[in-house]
PDB file of all heavy atoms in Angstrom:
ATOM      1  N   THR A   1     116.589 127.314  89.741  1.00  0.00           N
ATOM      2  CA  THR A   1     117.780 126.451  89.895  1.00  0.00           C
ATOM      3  C   THR A   1     119.013 127.207  89.538  1.00  0.00           C
ATOM      4  O   THR A   1     120.053 127.047  90.197  1.00  0.00           O
ATOM      5  CB  THR A   1     117.605 125.210  88.990  1.00  0.00           C
ATOM      6  OG1 THR A   1     116.481 124.474  89.368  1.00  0.00           O
ATOM      7  CG2 THR A   1     118.852 124.308  89.072  1.00  0.00           C
ATOM      8  N   ALA A   2     118.947 128.031  88.499  1.00  0.00           N
ATOM      9  CA  ALA A   2     120.122 128.795  88.069  1.00  0.00           C
ATOM     10  C   ALA A   2     120.456 129.951  88.963  1.00  0.00           C
ATOM     11  O   ALA A   2     121.601 130.458  88.897  1.00  0.00           O
ATOM     12  CB  ALA A   2     119.922 129.261  86.623  1.00  0.00           C
ATOM     13  N   HIS A   3     119.510 130.383  89.813  1.00  0.00           N
ATOM     14  CA  HIS A   3     119.718 131.552  90.663  1.00  0.00           C
ATOM     15  C   HIS A   3     119.346 131.223  92.104  1.00  0.00           C
ATOM     16  O   HIS A   3     118.340 131.740  92.641  1.00  0.00           O
ATOM     17  CB  HIS A   3     118.916 132.743  90.124  1.00  0.00           C
ATOM     18  CG  HIS A   3     119.292 133.158  88.713  1.00  0.00           C
ATOM     19  ND1 HIS A   3     118.752 132.563  87.605  1.00  0.00           N
ATOM     20  CD2 HIS A   3     120.202 134.041  88.268  1.00  0.00           C
ATOM     21  CE1 HIS A   3     119.295 133.115  86.507  1.00  0.00           C
ATOM     22  NE2 HIS A   3     120.160 134.015  86.854  1.00  0.00           N
ATOM     23  N   PRO A   4     120.141 130.381  92.749  1.00  0.00           N
ATOM     24  CA  PRO A   4     119.788 129.940  94.117  1.00  0.00           C
ATOM     25  C   PRO A   4     119.792 131.041  95.165  1.00  0.00           C
ATOM     26  O   PRO A   4     119.277 130.835  96.258  1.00  0.00           O
ATOM     27  CB  PRO A   4     120.806 128.857  94.394  1.00  0.00           C
ATOM     28  CG  PRO A   4     121.983 129.238  93.529  1.00  0.00           C
ATOM     29  CD  PRO A   4     121.411 129.787  92.304  1.00  0.00           C
ATOM     30  N   ARG A   5     120.410 132.164  94.862  1.00  0.00           N
ATOM     31  CA  ARG A   5     120.514 133.251  95.870  1.00  0.00           C
ATOM     32  C   ARG A   5     119.296 134.186  95.790  1.00  0.00           C
ATOM     33  O   ARG A   5     119.219 135.181  96.486  1.00  0.00           O
ATOM     34  CB  ARG A   5     121.787 134.049  95.667  1.00  0.00           C
ATOM     35  CG  ARG A   5     123.048 133.248  95.978  1.00  0.00           C
ATOM     36  CD  ARG A   5     124.286 134.090  95.871  1.00  0.00           C
ATOM     37  NE  ARG A   5     125.473 133.299  96.173  1.00  0.00           N
ATOM     38  CZ  ARG A   5     126.745 133.764  96.186  1.00  0.00           C
ATOM     39  NH1 ARG A   5     126.921 135.055  95.881  1.00  0.00           N
ATOM     40  NH2 ARG A   5     127.745 133.021  96.486  1.00  0.00           N
ATOM     41  N   GLN A   6     118.343 133.890  94.888  1.00  0.00           N
ATOM     42  CA  GLN A   6     117.081 134.635  94.789  1.00  0.00           C
ATOM     43  C   GLN A   6     115.933 133.720  95.103  1.00  0.00           C
ATOM     44  O   GLN A   6     116.012 132.508  94.901  1.00  0.00           O
ATOM     45  CB  GLN A   6     116.962 135.268  93.375  1.00  0.00           C
ATOM     46  CG  GLN A   6     118.066 136.265  93.030  1.00  0.00           C
ATOM     47  CD  GLN A   6     117.924 136.882  91.694  1.00  0.00           C
ATOM     48  OE1 GLN A   6     118.453 137.945  91.466  1.00  0.00           O
ATOM     49  NE2 GLN A   6     117.252 136.189  90.777  1.00  0.00           N
ATOM     50  N   ASP A   7     114.848 134.304  95.584  1.00  0.00           N
ATOM     51  CA  ASP A   7     113.662 133.566  95.924  1.00  0.00           C
ATOM     52  C   ASP A   7     112.532 133.908  94.908  1.00  0.00           C
ATOM     53  O   ASP A   7     112.388 135.104  94.529  1.00  0.00           O
ATOM     54  CB  ASP A   7     113.175 133.885  97.346  1.00  0.00           C
ATOM     55  CG  ASP A   7     114.105 133.344  98.406  1.00  0.00           C
ATOM     56  OD1 ASP A   7     114.775 132.361  98.162  1.00  0.00           O
ATOM     57  OD2 ASP A   7     114.205 133.997  99.473  1.00  0.00           O
ATOM     58  N   TYR A   8     111.706 132.942  94.579  1.00  0.00           N
ATOM     59  CA  TYR A   8     110.705 133.089  93.540  1.00  0.00           C
ATOM     60  C   TYR A   8     109.329 132.681  94.074  1.00  0.00           C
ATOM     61  O   TYR A   8     109.141 131.568  94.579  1.00  0.00           O
ATOM     62  CB  TYR A   8     111.026 132.228  92.319  1.00  0.00           C
ATOM     63  CG  TYR A   8     112.311 132.705  91.693  1.00  0.00           C
ATOM     64  CD1 TYR A   8     113.546 132.248  92.129  1.00  0.00           C
ATOM     65  CD2 TYR A   8     112.322 133.659  90.650  1.00  0.00           C
ATOM     66  CE1 TYR A   8     114.745 132.703  91.559  1.00  0.00           C
ATOM     67  CE2 TYR A   8     113.487 134.109  90.113  1.00  0.00           C
ATOM     68  CZ  TYR A   8     114.704 133.627  90.555  1.00  0.00           C
ATOM     69  OH  TYR A   8     115.856 134.126  89.985  1.00  0.00           O
ATOM     70  N   LEU A   9     108.376 133.592  93.992  1.00  0.00           N
ATOM     71  CA  LEU A   9     106.988 133.355  94.376  1.00  0.00           C
ATOM     72  C   LEU A   9     106.212 133.216  93.077  1.00  0.00           C
ATOM     73  O   LEU A   9     105.994 134.209  92.354  1.00  0.00           O
ATOM     74  CB  LEU A   9     106.458 134.477  95.218  1.00  0.00           C
ATOM     75  CG  LEU A   9     104.957 134.377  95.623  1.00  0.00           C
ATOM     76  CD1 LEU A   9     104.664 133.060  96.395  1.00  0.00           C
ATOM     77  CD2 LEU A   9     104.553 135.601  96.426  1.00  0.00           C
ATOM     78  N   GLY A  10     105.748 132.006  92.767  1.00  0.00           N
ATOM     79  CA  GLY A  10     105.030 131.778  91.515  1.00  0.00           C
ATOM     80  C   GLY A  10     103.521 131.739  91.781  1.00  0.00           C
ATOM     81  O   GLY A  10     103.072 131.089  92.752  1.00  0.00           O
ATOM     82  N   ILE A  11     102.755 132.411  90.943  1.00  0.00           N
ATOM     83  CA  ILE A  11     101.291 132.457  91.030  1.00  0.00           C
ATOM     84  C   ILE A  11     100.714 131.818  89.799  1.00  0.00           C
ATOM     85  O   ILE A  11     101.040 132.196  88.681  1.00  0.00           O
ATOM     86  CB  ILE A  11     100.804 133.892  91.220  1.00  0.00           C
ATOM     87  CG1 ILE A  11     101.392 134.534  92.471  1.00  0.00           C
ATOM     88  CG2 ILE A  11      99.289 133.892  91.292  1.00  0.00           C
ATOM     89  CD1 ILE A  11     101.005 135.989  92.648  1.00  0.00           C
ATOM     90  N   GLU A  12      99.803 130.854  89.972  1.00  0.00           N
ATOM     91  CA  GLU A  12      99.144 130.188  88.884  1.00  0.00           C
ATOM     92  C   GLU A  12      97.803 129.682  89.381  1.00  0.00           C
ATOM     93  O   GLU A  12      97.704 129.152  90.461  1.00  0.00           O
ATOM     94  CB  GLU A  12     100.019 129.025  88.381  1.00  0.00           C
ATOM     95  CG  GLU A  12      99.389 128.199  87.272  1.00  0.00           C
ATOM     96  CD  GLU A  12      99.049 129.012  86.046  1.00  0.00           C
ATOM     97  OE1 GLU A  12      99.988 129.573  85.393  1.00  0.00           O
ATOM     98  OE2 GLU A  12      97.887 129.079  85.707  1.00  0.00           O
ATOM     99  N   VAL A  13      96.764 129.854  88.567  1.00  0.00           N
ATOM    100  CA  VAL A  13      95.441 129.390  88.912  1.00  0.00           C
ATOM    101  C   VAL A  13      95.112 127.986  88.381  1.00  0.00           C
ATOM    102  O   VAL A  13      94.112 127.393  88.776  1.00  0.00           O
ATOM    103  CB  VAL A  13      94.339 130.385  88.474  1.00  0.00           C
ATOM    104  CG1 VAL A  13      94.520 131.703  89.176  1.00  0.00           C
ATOM    105  CG2 VAL A  13      94.388 130.584  86.964  1.00  0.00           C
ATOM    106  N   HIS A  14      95.929 127.500  87.503  1.00  0.00           N
ATOM    107  CA  HIS A  14      95.645 126.239  86.783  1.00  0.00           C
ATOM    108  C   HIS A  14      96.171 125.070  87.600  1.00  0.00           C
ATOM    109  O   HIS A  14      97.392 124.916  87.798  1.00  0.00           O
ATOM    110  CB  HIS A  14      96.380 126.325  85.429  1.00  0.00           C
ATOM    111  CG  HIS A  14      96.099 125.172  84.516  1.00  0.00           C
ATOM    112  ND1 HIS A  14      97.101 124.574  83.744  1.00  0.00           N
ATOM    113  CD2 HIS A  14      94.961 124.533  84.238  1.00  0.00           C
ATOM    114  CE1 HIS A  14      96.566 123.628  83.018  1.00  0.00           C
ATOM    115  NE2 HIS A  14      95.251 123.571  83.299  1.00  0.00           N
ATOM    116  N   GLY A  15      95.312 124.216  88.076  1.00  0.00           N
ATOM    117  CA  GLY A  15      95.695 123.112  88.962  1.00  0.00           C
ATOM    118  C   GLY A  15      96.754 122.179  88.371  1.00  0.00           C
ATOM    119  O   GLY A  15      97.742 121.882  89.073  1.00  0.00           O
ATOM    120  N   PRO A  16      96.611 121.669  87.149  1.00  0.00           N
ATOM    121  CA  PRO A  16      97.658 120.835  86.615  1.00  0.00           C
ATOM    122  C   PRO A  16      98.992 121.523  86.507  1.00  0.00           C
ATOM    123  O   PRO A  16     100.078 120.895  86.705  1.00  0.00           O
ATOM    124  CB  PRO A  16      97.143 120.485  85.208  1.00  0.00           C
ATOM    125  CG  PRO A  16      95.662 120.510  85.377  1.00  0.00           C
ATOM    126  CD  PRO A  16      95.378 121.647  86.331  1.00  0.00           C
ATOM    127  N   GLY A  17      99.030 122.848  86.261  1.00  0.00           N
ATOM    128  CA  GLY A  17     100.285 123.577  86.241  1.00  0.00           C
ATOM    129  C   GLY A  17     100.920 123.634  87.606  1.00  0.00           C
ATOM    130  O   GLY A  17     102.138 123.485  87.765  1.00  0.00           O
ATOM    131  N   VAL A  18     100.084 123.833  88.670  1.00  0.00           N
ATOM    132  CA  VAL A  18     100.662 123.843  89.982  1.00  0.00           C
ATOM    133  C   VAL A  18     101.221 122.455  90.340  1.00  0.00           C
ATOM    134  O   VAL A  18     102.276 122.341  90.920  1.00  0.00           O
ATOM    135  CB  VAL A  18      99.531 124.210  90.996  1.00  0.00           C
ATOM    136  CG1 VAL A  18     100.000 124.028  92.447  1.00  0.00           C
ATOM    137  CG2 VAL A  18      99.075 125.652  90.773  1.00  0.00           C
ATOM    138  N   GLY A  19     100.464 121.408  89.980  1.00  0.00           N
ATOM    139  CA  GLY A  19     100.965 120.053  90.204  1.00  0.00           C
ATOM    140  C   GLY A  19     102.250 119.782  89.489  1.00  0.00           C
ATOM    141  O   GLY A  19     103.181 119.132  90.017  1.00  0.00           O
ATOM    142  N   ALA A  20     102.385 120.269  88.229  1.00  0.00           N
ATOM    143  CA  ALA A  20     103.586 120.065  87.439  1.00  0.00           C
ATOM    144  C   ALA A  20     104.795 120.784  88.062  1.00  0.00           C
ATOM    145  O   ALA A  20     105.880 120.199  88.131  1.00  0.00           O
ATOM    146  CB  ALA A  20     103.375 120.561  86.012  1.00  0.00           C
ATOM    147  N   LEU A  21     104.592 121.977  88.570  1.00  0.00           N
ATOM    148  CA  LEU A  21     105.692 122.688  89.208  1.00  0.00           C
ATOM    149  C   LEU A  21     106.061 121.976  90.509  1.00  0.00           C
ATOM    150  O   LEU A  21     107.286 121.890  90.823  1.00  0.00           O
ATOM    151  CB  LEU A  21     105.346 124.141  89.438  1.00  0.00           C
ATOM    152  CG  LEU A  21     106.455 124.975  90.124  1.00  0.00           C
ATOM    153  CD1 LEU A  21     107.788 124.901  89.386  1.00  0.00           C
ATOM    154  CD2 LEU A  21     106.048 126.421  90.295  1.00  0.00           C
ATOM    155  N   CYS A  22     105.104 121.544  91.252  1.00  0.00           N
ATOM    156  CA  CYS A  22     105.409 120.787  92.511  1.00  0.00           C
ATOM    157  C   CYS A  22     106.273 119.591  92.182  1.00  0.00           C
ATOM    158  O   CYS A  22     107.236 119.294  92.925  1.00  0.00           O
ATOM    159  CB  CYS A  22     104.110 120.340  93.167  1.00  0.00           C
ATOM    160  SG  CYS A  22     103.209 121.638  94.027  1.00  0.00           S
ATOM    161  N   LYS A  23     105.985 118.904  91.098  1.00  0.00           N
ATOM    162  CA  LYS A  23     106.791 117.719  90.694  1.00  0.00           C
ATOM    163  C   LYS A  23     108.218 118.158  90.359  1.00  0.00           C
ATOM    164  O   LYS A  23     109.201 117.527  90.767  1.00  0.00           O
ATOM    165  CB  LYS A  23     106.139 117.057  89.477  1.00  0.00           C
ATOM    166  CG  LYS A  23     106.824 115.792  88.974  1.00  0.00           C
ATOM    167  CD  LYS A  23     105.990 115.157  87.893  1.00  0.00           C
ATOM    168  CE  LYS A  23     106.541 113.829  87.419  1.00  0.00           C
ATOM    169  NZ  LYS A  23     107.837 113.958  86.712  1.00  0.00           N
ATOM    170  N   LEU A  24     108.386 119.248  89.629  1.00  0.00           N
ATOM    171  CA  LEU A  24     109.710 119.738  89.300  1.00  0.00           C
ATOM    172  C   LEU A  24     110.499 120.163  90.530  1.00  0.00           C
ATOM    173  O   LEU A  24     111.706 119.892  90.616  1.00  0.00           O
ATOM    174  CB  LEU A  24     109.587 120.944  88.336  1.00  0.00           C
ATOM    175  CG  LEU A  24     109.072 120.590  86.892  1.00  0.00           C
ATOM    176  CD1 LEU A  24     108.797 121.892  86.151  1.00  0.00           C
ATOM    177  CD2 LEU A  24     110.050 119.721  86.160  1.00  0.00           C
ATOM    178  N   LEU A  25     109.827 120.805  91.471  1.00  0.00           N
ATOM    179  CA  LEU A  25     110.481 121.212  92.717  1.00  0.00           C
ATOM    180  C   LEU A  25     110.981 120.012  93.522  1.00  0.00           C
ATOM    181  O   LEU A  25     112.082 120.027  94.057  1.00  0.00           O
ATOM    182  CB  LEU A  25     109.555 122.055  93.551  1.00  0.00           C
ATOM    183  CG  LEU A  25     109.094 123.383  92.986  1.00  0.00           C
ATOM    184  CD1 LEU A  25     108.210 124.134  93.963  1.00  0.00           C
ATOM    185  CD2 LEU A  25     110.218 124.264  92.513  1.00  0.00           C
ATOM    186  N   ALA A  26     110.146 118.982  93.578  1.00  0.00           N
ATOM    187  CA  ALA A  26     110.520 117.777  94.317  1.00  0.00           C
ATOM    188  C   ALA A  26     111.653 117.037  93.668  1.00  0.00           C
ATOM    189  O   ALA A  26     112.651 116.675  94.313  1.00  0.00           O
ATOM    190  CB  ALA A  26     109.300 116.884  94.499  1.00  0.00           C
ATOM    191  N   GLU A  27     111.518 116.855  92.370  1.00  0.00           N
ATOM    192  CA  GLU A  27     112.538 116.069  91.648  1.00  0.00           C
ATOM    193  C   GLU A  27     113.898 116.823  91.596  1.00  0.00           C
ATOM    194  O   GLU A  27     114.957 116.189  91.635  1.00  0.00           O
ATOM    195  CB  GLU A  27     112.080 115.767  90.227  1.00  0.00           C
ATOM    196  CG  GLU A  27     110.904 114.815  90.160  1.00  0.00           C
ATOM    197  CD  GLU A  27     110.399 114.590  88.759  1.00  0.00           C
ATOM    198  OE1 GLU A  27     110.694 115.413  87.872  1.00  0.00           O
ATOM    199  OE2 GLU A  27     109.691 113.556  88.550  1.00  0.00           O
TER     200      GLU A  27
END
């Protein structure tokens, strides 16, 4: 959010963590 001119590829194997980030991205 603070650096909109950069792109971020996040890697995580933990399902709840992936779901939590998806929620943050949507909101």
